[in-house]
N, C-alpha and C. Protein backbone atom coordinates (compact mmCIF):
# COMPACT_ATOMS: atom_id res chain seq x y z
N VAL A 1 0.79 -1.14 -0.03
CA VAL A 1 0.04 0.02 -0.02
C VAL A 1 0.94 1.23 -0.01
N GLN A 2 0.61 2.29 -0.83
CA GLN A 2 1.37 3.46 -0.93
C GLN A 2 0.37 4.65 -0.58
N LEU A 3 0.82 5.59 0.11
CA LEU A 3 -0.04 6.67 0.53
C LEU A 3 0.84 7.95 0.02
N VAL A 4 0.23 8.75 -0.65
CA VAL A 4 0.99 9.90 -1.27
C VAL A 4 0.25 11.23 -0.83
N GLU A 5 1.02 11.98 -0.12
CA GLU A 5 0.47 13.26 0.32
C GLU A 5 0.62 14.36 -0.79
N SER A 6 -0.27 15.38 -0.75
CA SER A 6 -0.04 16.53 -1.59
C SER A 6 -0.79 17.54 -0.90
N GLY A 7 -0.48 18.88 -1.39
CA GLY A 7 -1.23 20.15 -0.99
C GLY A 7 -0.45 20.95 0.04
N GLY A 8 0.63 20.56 0.46
CA GLY A 8 1.30 21.28 1.54
C GLY A 8 1.98 22.50 0.91
N GLY A 9 2.71 23.26 1.74
CA GLY A 9 3.30 24.53 1.26
C GLY A 9 3.41 25.67 2.38
N LEU A 10 3.66 26.85 1.89
CA LEU A 10 3.74 27.96 2.91
C LEU A 10 2.41 28.75 2.85
N VAL A 11 2.00 29.01 3.96
CA VAL A 11 0.70 29.84 4.11
C VAL A 11 0.95 30.88 5.27
N GLN A 12 0.26 31.95 5.19
CA GLN A 12 0.37 32.97 6.12
C GLN A 12 -0.52 32.54 7.39
N PRO A 13 -0.14 33.11 8.57
CA PRO A 13 -1.01 32.88 9.74
C PRO A 13 -2.43 33.19 9.48
N GLY A 14 -3.36 32.46 9.90
CA GLY A 14 -4.83 32.67 9.67
C GLY A 14 -5.23 32.09 8.28
N GLY A 15 -4.39 31.64 7.56
CA GLY A 15 -4.75 31.13 6.15
C GLY A 15 -5.22 29.63 6.33
N SER A 16 -5.41 29.00 5.10
CA SER A 16 -5.97 27.71 5.00
C SER A 16 -5.27 26.83 4.05
N LEU A 17 -5.25 25.54 4.20
CA LEU A 17 -4.63 24.63 3.23
C LEU A 17 -5.48 23.38 3.31
N ARG A 18 -5.42 22.72 2.15
CA ARG A 18 -6.00 21.44 2.01
C ARG A 18 -5.00 20.38 1.66
N LEU A 19 -4.76 19.45 2.56
CA LEU A 19 -3.88 18.33 2.28
C LEU A 19 -4.78 17.12 1.72
N SER A 20 -4.15 16.43 0.78
CA SER A 20 -4.71 15.19 0.17
C SER A 20 -3.85 14.03 0.46
N CYS A 21 -4.36 12.86 0.64
CA CYS A 21 -3.63 11.63 0.69
C CYS A 21 -4.28 10.58 -0.17
N ALA A 22 -3.58 10.31 -1.29
CA ALA A 22 -4.11 9.36 -2.24
C ALA A 22 -3.51 7.93 -1.93
N ALA A 23 -4.30 6.95 -1.84
CA ALA A 23 -3.89 5.64 -1.62
C ALA A 23 -3.80 4.76 -2.87
N SER A 24 -2.88 3.74 -2.88
CA SER A 24 -2.82 3.00 -4.01
C SER A 24 -3.80 1.88 -4.21
N GLU A 25 -4.57 1.72 -3.05
CA GLU A 25 -5.51 0.69 -2.99
C GLU A 25 -6.82 1.30 -2.31
N SER A 26 -7.86 0.47 -2.41
CA SER A 26 -9.14 0.98 -1.91
C SER A 26 -9.03 1.30 -0.55
N ILE A 27 -9.43 2.53 -0.13
CA ILE A 27 -9.37 2.87 1.38
C ILE A 27 -10.47 2.27 2.10
N GLY A 28 -11.40 1.59 1.41
CA GLY A 28 -12.47 0.97 2.13
C GLY A 28 -11.90 -0.23 3.01
N ARG A 29 -10.78 -0.74 2.72
CA ARG A 29 -10.17 -1.79 3.49
C ARG A 29 -9.57 -1.38 4.81
N PHE A 30 -9.42 -0.18 5.08
CA PHE A 30 -8.78 0.31 6.26
C PHE A 30 -9.84 0.51 7.51
N ASP A 31 -9.42 0.16 8.63
CA ASP A 31 -10.26 0.38 9.73
C ASP A 31 -10.16 1.84 10.09
N SER A 32 -9.10 2.51 9.83
CA SER A 32 -8.97 3.89 10.05
C SER A 32 -8.00 4.53 9.21
N MET A 33 -8.14 5.82 8.92
CA MET A 33 -7.16 6.66 8.28
C MET A 33 -7.16 7.93 8.99
N GLY A 34 -5.87 8.64 8.85
CA GLY A 34 -5.69 9.87 9.57
C GLY A 34 -4.51 10.64 9.19
N TRP A 35 -4.25 11.68 10.01
CA TRP A 35 -3.11 12.48 9.74
C TRP A 35 -2.46 12.72 11.16
N TYR A 36 -1.10 12.69 11.02
CA TYR A 36 -0.22 12.88 12.14
C TYR A 36 0.78 14.00 11.65
N ARG A 37 1.49 14.61 12.56
CA ARG A 37 2.46 15.64 12.29
C ARG A 37 3.68 15.63 13.14
N GLN A 38 4.79 16.05 12.66
CA GLN A 38 6.01 16.07 13.35
C GLN A 38 6.66 17.39 13.12
N ALA A 39 6.90 18.16 14.18
CA ALA A 39 7.49 19.48 14.14
C ALA A 39 9.02 19.31 14.49
N PRO A 40 9.90 20.22 14.06
CA PRO A 40 11.24 19.94 14.35
C PRO A 40 11.61 19.86 15.83
N GLY A 41 12.34 18.81 16.12
CA GLY A 41 12.74 18.58 17.53
C GLY A 41 11.63 18.07 18.46
N LYS A 42 10.45 17.64 17.83
CA LYS A 42 9.43 17.01 18.56
C LYS A 42 9.01 15.64 17.93
N GLU A 43 8.25 14.96 18.78
CA GLU A 43 7.91 13.59 18.35
C GLU A 43 6.66 13.69 17.51
N ARG A 44 6.42 12.77 16.70
CA ARG A 44 5.30 12.75 15.83
C ARG A 44 3.99 12.65 16.68
N GLU A 45 2.96 13.35 16.35
CA GLU A 45 1.70 13.46 17.22
C GLU A 45 0.49 13.25 16.35
N LEU A 46 -0.58 12.80 16.85
CA LEU A 46 -1.74 12.66 16.19
C LEU A 46 -2.31 13.99 15.88
N VAL A 47 -2.95 14.13 14.68
CA VAL A 47 -3.75 15.28 14.40
C VAL A 47 -5.25 14.89 14.41
N VAL A 48 -5.58 13.96 13.59
CA VAL A 48 -6.97 13.50 13.49
C VAL A 48 -7.06 12.21 12.86
N THR A 49 -7.98 11.28 13.26
CA THR A 49 -8.17 10.09 12.60
C THR A 49 -9.65 10.01 12.28
N LEU A 50 -9.95 9.19 11.33
CA LEU A 50 -11.30 8.88 10.80
C LEU A 50 -11.57 7.33 10.67
N THR A 51 -12.42 6.74 11.38
CA THR A 51 -12.67 5.30 11.22
C THR A 51 -13.55 4.93 10.12
N TYR A 52 -13.65 3.63 9.84
CA TYR A 52 -14.43 3.20 8.77
C TYR A 52 -15.85 3.59 8.90
N ASP A 53 -16.36 3.71 10.18
CA ASP A 53 -17.67 4.00 10.49
C ASP A 53 -17.91 5.45 10.71
N MET A 54 -16.91 6.33 10.36
CA MET A 54 -16.94 7.76 10.31
C MET A 54 -16.84 8.38 11.69
N ARG A 55 -16.22 7.65 12.68
CA ARG A 55 -15.96 8.42 13.94
C ARG A 55 -14.54 9.02 13.84
N THR A 56 -14.51 10.24 14.44
CA THR A 56 -13.20 10.97 14.46
C THR A 56 -12.59 11.01 15.83
N ASN A 57 -11.30 11.10 15.79
CA ASN A 57 -10.52 11.45 17.06
C ASN A 57 -9.45 12.50 16.73
N SER A 58 -9.56 13.62 17.45
CA SER A 58 -8.56 14.66 17.14
C SER A 58 -7.90 15.19 18.31
N ALA A 59 -6.73 15.77 18.09
CA ALA A 59 -6.07 16.26 19.09
C ALA A 59 -6.66 17.59 19.59
N ASP A 60 -6.30 17.87 20.82
CA ASP A 60 -6.96 19.13 21.44
C ASP A 60 -6.56 20.42 20.62
N PHE A 61 -5.35 20.37 20.05
CA PHE A 61 -4.95 21.58 19.36
C PHE A 61 -5.65 21.92 18.09
N VAL A 62 -6.53 20.88 17.67
CA VAL A 62 -7.31 21.05 16.44
C VAL A 62 -8.29 22.13 16.75
N GLU A 63 -8.95 22.12 17.81
CA GLU A 63 -9.91 23.03 18.31
C GLU A 63 -10.98 23.49 17.16
N GLY A 64 -11.34 22.47 16.35
CA GLY A 64 -12.36 22.76 15.48
C GLY A 64 -11.88 23.35 14.11
N ARG A 65 -10.48 23.56 14.01
CA ARG A 65 -9.91 24.36 12.85
C ARG A 65 -9.67 23.32 11.79
N PHE A 66 -9.55 21.98 12.03
CA PHE A 66 -9.10 21.04 11.01
C PHE A 66 -10.27 20.02 10.76
N THR A 67 -10.56 19.67 9.63
CA THR A 67 -11.66 18.69 9.25
C THR A 67 -10.97 17.64 8.36
N ILE A 68 -11.33 16.40 8.77
CA ILE A 68 -10.87 15.31 8.01
C ILE A 68 -12.07 14.77 7.17
N SER A 69 -11.80 14.29 5.97
CA SER A 69 -12.91 13.69 5.14
C SER A 69 -12.39 12.77 4.14
N LYS A 70 -13.13 11.99 3.49
CA LYS A 70 -12.60 11.03 2.65
C LYS A 70 -13.62 10.91 1.38
N VAL A 71 -13.02 10.45 0.28
CA VAL A 71 -13.90 10.01 -0.83
C VAL A 71 -13.47 8.69 -1.27
N ASN A 72 -14.23 7.74 -1.00
CA ASN A 72 -13.91 6.34 -1.24
C ASN A 72 -13.67 6.10 -2.76
N ALA A 73 -14.50 6.69 -3.49
CA ALA A 73 -14.26 6.50 -4.98
C ALA A 73 -12.95 6.87 -5.53
N LYS A 74 -12.36 7.90 -4.90
CA LYS A 74 -11.09 8.44 -5.33
C LYS A 74 -9.98 7.95 -4.49
N ASN A 75 -10.36 7.04 -3.55
CA ASN A 75 -9.31 6.45 -2.60
C ASN A 75 -8.41 7.56 -1.91
N THR A 76 -9.02 8.57 -1.62
CA THR A 76 -8.42 9.76 -1.06
C THR A 76 -8.99 10.34 0.25
N VAL A 77 -8.11 10.68 1.08
CA VAL A 77 -8.47 11.29 2.39
C VAL A 77 -7.89 12.76 2.33
N TYR A 78 -8.73 13.59 2.97
CA TYR A 78 -8.39 15.07 2.98
C TYR A 78 -8.25 15.56 4.45
N LEU A 79 -7.37 16.57 4.54
CA LEU A 79 -7.35 17.28 5.73
C LEU A 79 -7.50 18.80 5.38
N ASP A 80 -8.61 19.47 5.71
CA ASP A 80 -8.84 20.84 5.50
C ASP A 80 -8.51 21.67 6.84
N MET A 81 -7.60 22.46 6.65
CA MET A 81 -6.93 23.18 7.67
C MET A 81 -7.23 24.66 7.68
N ASN A 82 -7.87 25.22 8.60
CA ASN A 82 -8.15 26.65 8.66
C ASN A 82 -7.61 27.37 9.89
N SER A 83 -7.56 28.67 9.92
CA SER A 83 -7.15 29.49 10.89
C SER A 83 -5.69 28.96 11.32
N LEU A 84 -4.82 28.69 10.34
CA LEU A 84 -3.57 28.16 10.66
C LEU A 84 -2.72 29.10 11.56
N LYS A 85 -1.98 28.44 12.41
CA LYS A 85 -0.97 29.25 13.33
C LYS A 85 0.40 28.82 13.07
N PRO A 86 1.37 29.72 13.40
CA PRO A 86 2.87 29.28 13.20
C PRO A 86 3.15 28.02 13.92
N GLU A 87 2.54 27.66 14.90
CA GLU A 87 2.88 26.42 15.70
C GLU A 87 2.21 25.18 14.99
N ASP A 88 1.45 25.38 13.94
CA ASP A 88 1.08 24.24 13.08
C ASP A 88 2.10 23.81 12.07
N THR A 89 3.24 24.50 12.02
CA THR A 89 4.28 24.23 11.08
C THR A 89 4.90 22.81 11.43
N ALA A 90 4.83 21.94 10.51
CA ALA A 90 5.35 20.49 10.69
C ALA A 90 5.27 19.80 9.45
N ILE A 91 5.88 18.64 9.43
CA ILE A 91 5.69 17.69 8.41
C ILE A 91 4.42 16.88 8.66
N TYR A 92 3.52 16.88 7.84
CA TYR A 92 2.30 16.09 8.00
C TYR A 92 2.28 14.77 7.30
N TYR A 93 1.82 13.75 8.02
CA TYR A 93 1.98 12.40 7.56
C TYR A 93 0.46 11.79 7.37
N CYS A 94 0.15 11.19 6.40
CA CYS A 94 -0.91 10.34 6.14
C CYS A 94 -0.79 8.93 6.72
N ASN A 95 -1.86 8.51 7.38
CA ASN A 95 -1.61 7.13 8.02
C ASN A 95 -2.92 6.33 7.74
N ALA A 96 -2.70 4.95 7.65
CA ALA A 96 -3.80 4.01 7.38
C ALA A 96 -3.54 2.87 8.31
N VAL A 97 -4.65 2.30 8.80
CA VAL A 97 -4.49 1.19 9.79
C VAL A 97 -5.49 0.10 9.36
N GLU A 98 -5.10 -1.09 9.29
CA GLU A 98 -5.90 -2.21 9.05
C GLU A 98 -5.65 -3.28 10.05
N TRP A 99 -6.72 -4.01 10.57
CA TRP A 99 -6.65 -5.00 11.49
C TRP A 99 -7.09 -6.27 10.77
N THR A 100 -6.38 -7.33 10.91
CA THR A 100 -6.75 -8.60 10.31
C THR A 100 -6.74 -9.72 11.42
N ASN A 101 -7.56 -10.75 11.21
CA ASN A 101 -7.60 -11.88 12.12
C ASN A 101 -7.17 -13.17 11.51
N LYS A 102 -6.28 -13.97 12.12
CA LYS A 102 -5.93 -15.28 11.71
C LYS A 102 -5.98 -16.20 12.93
N GLY A 103 -7.02 -16.96 12.82
CA GLY A 103 -7.22 -17.87 14.01
C GLY A 103 -7.66 -17.06 15.27
N TRP A 104 -6.87 -17.22 16.31
CA TRP A 104 -7.07 -16.42 17.55
C TRP A 104 -6.24 -15.15 17.70
N ASN A 105 -5.44 -15.02 16.54
CA ASN A 105 -4.58 -13.82 16.58
C ASN A 105 -5.09 -12.60 15.89
N ARG A 106 -4.73 -11.46 16.24
CA ARG A 106 -5.10 -10.24 15.60
C ARG A 106 -3.94 -9.48 15.25
N PHE A 107 -3.91 -9.16 13.98
CA PHE A 107 -2.63 -8.35 13.53
C PHE A 107 -3.03 -6.98 13.12
N LYS A 108 -2.02 -5.94 13.44
CA LYS A 108 -2.21 -4.55 13.00
C LYS A 108 -1.34 -4.33 11.89
N TRP A 109 -1.79 -3.87 10.77
CA TRP A 109 -0.96 -3.31 9.59
C TRP A 109 -1.14 -1.79 9.54
N GLU A 110 -0.05 -1.13 9.54
CA GLU A 110 -0.06 0.23 9.62
C GLU A 110 0.81 0.96 8.36
N TYR A 111 0.30 1.84 7.82
CA TYR A 111 0.92 2.41 6.57
C TYR A 111 1.18 3.87 6.70
N TRP A 112 2.17 4.40 6.25
CA TRP A 112 2.61 5.79 6.33
C TRP A 112 2.87 6.41 4.97
N GLY A 113 2.51 7.69 4.76
CA GLY A 113 2.99 8.33 3.69
C GLY A 113 4.37 8.89 3.90
N GLN A 114 4.96 9.55 2.87
CA GLN A 114 6.34 9.98 3.01
C GLN A 114 6.38 11.35 3.74
N GLY A 115 5.31 11.98 3.88
CA GLY A 115 5.23 13.37 4.63
C GLY A 115 5.23 14.53 3.65
N ILE A 116 4.65 15.52 4.11
CA ILE A 116 4.52 16.78 3.37
C ILE A 116 4.68 17.99 4.31
N GLN A 117 5.57 18.87 3.90
CA GLN A 117 5.76 20.06 4.72
C GLN A 117 4.64 21.08 4.69
N VAL A 118 4.30 21.53 5.91
CA VAL A 118 3.32 22.81 5.91
C VAL A 118 4.03 23.75 6.89
N THR A 119 4.14 24.89 6.26
CA THR A 119 4.89 26.02 6.92
C THR A 119 3.82 27.14 7.12
N VAL A 120 3.70 27.65 8.37
CA VAL A 120 2.84 28.78 8.58
C VAL A 120 3.71 29.90 9.01
N SER A 121 3.78 30.99 8.15
CA SER A 121 4.82 31.98 8.45
C SER A 121 4.32 33.35 7.61
N SER A 122 4.60 34.36 8.34
CA SER A 122 4.28 35.66 7.50
C SER A 122 5.68 36.10 6.92
């Protein structure tokens, strides 16, 4: 499975960006998809995830500014980011998780995109 992010770049504080994550396979197979980010000198952190049944889990810093969505027919997940702040500057990563069962065992398969830079600066 390949995940390819696009849509990053430089934006002024208060501006908006839309990130896209295109999957090489049907996203319907995944139990959840989402976005994480990593700022310089910091650990990778959750931004927001979306489960197969449309439940979301977002970090406190999202504060209603970011929205995750998906279009199954396009195998694409989106992250709409509004009211961007300088502290939102980071590399943003697309993530997909799939759980499979084999006998009594349960396996987690996790996939990551290569990441895309988002810089919020005047």
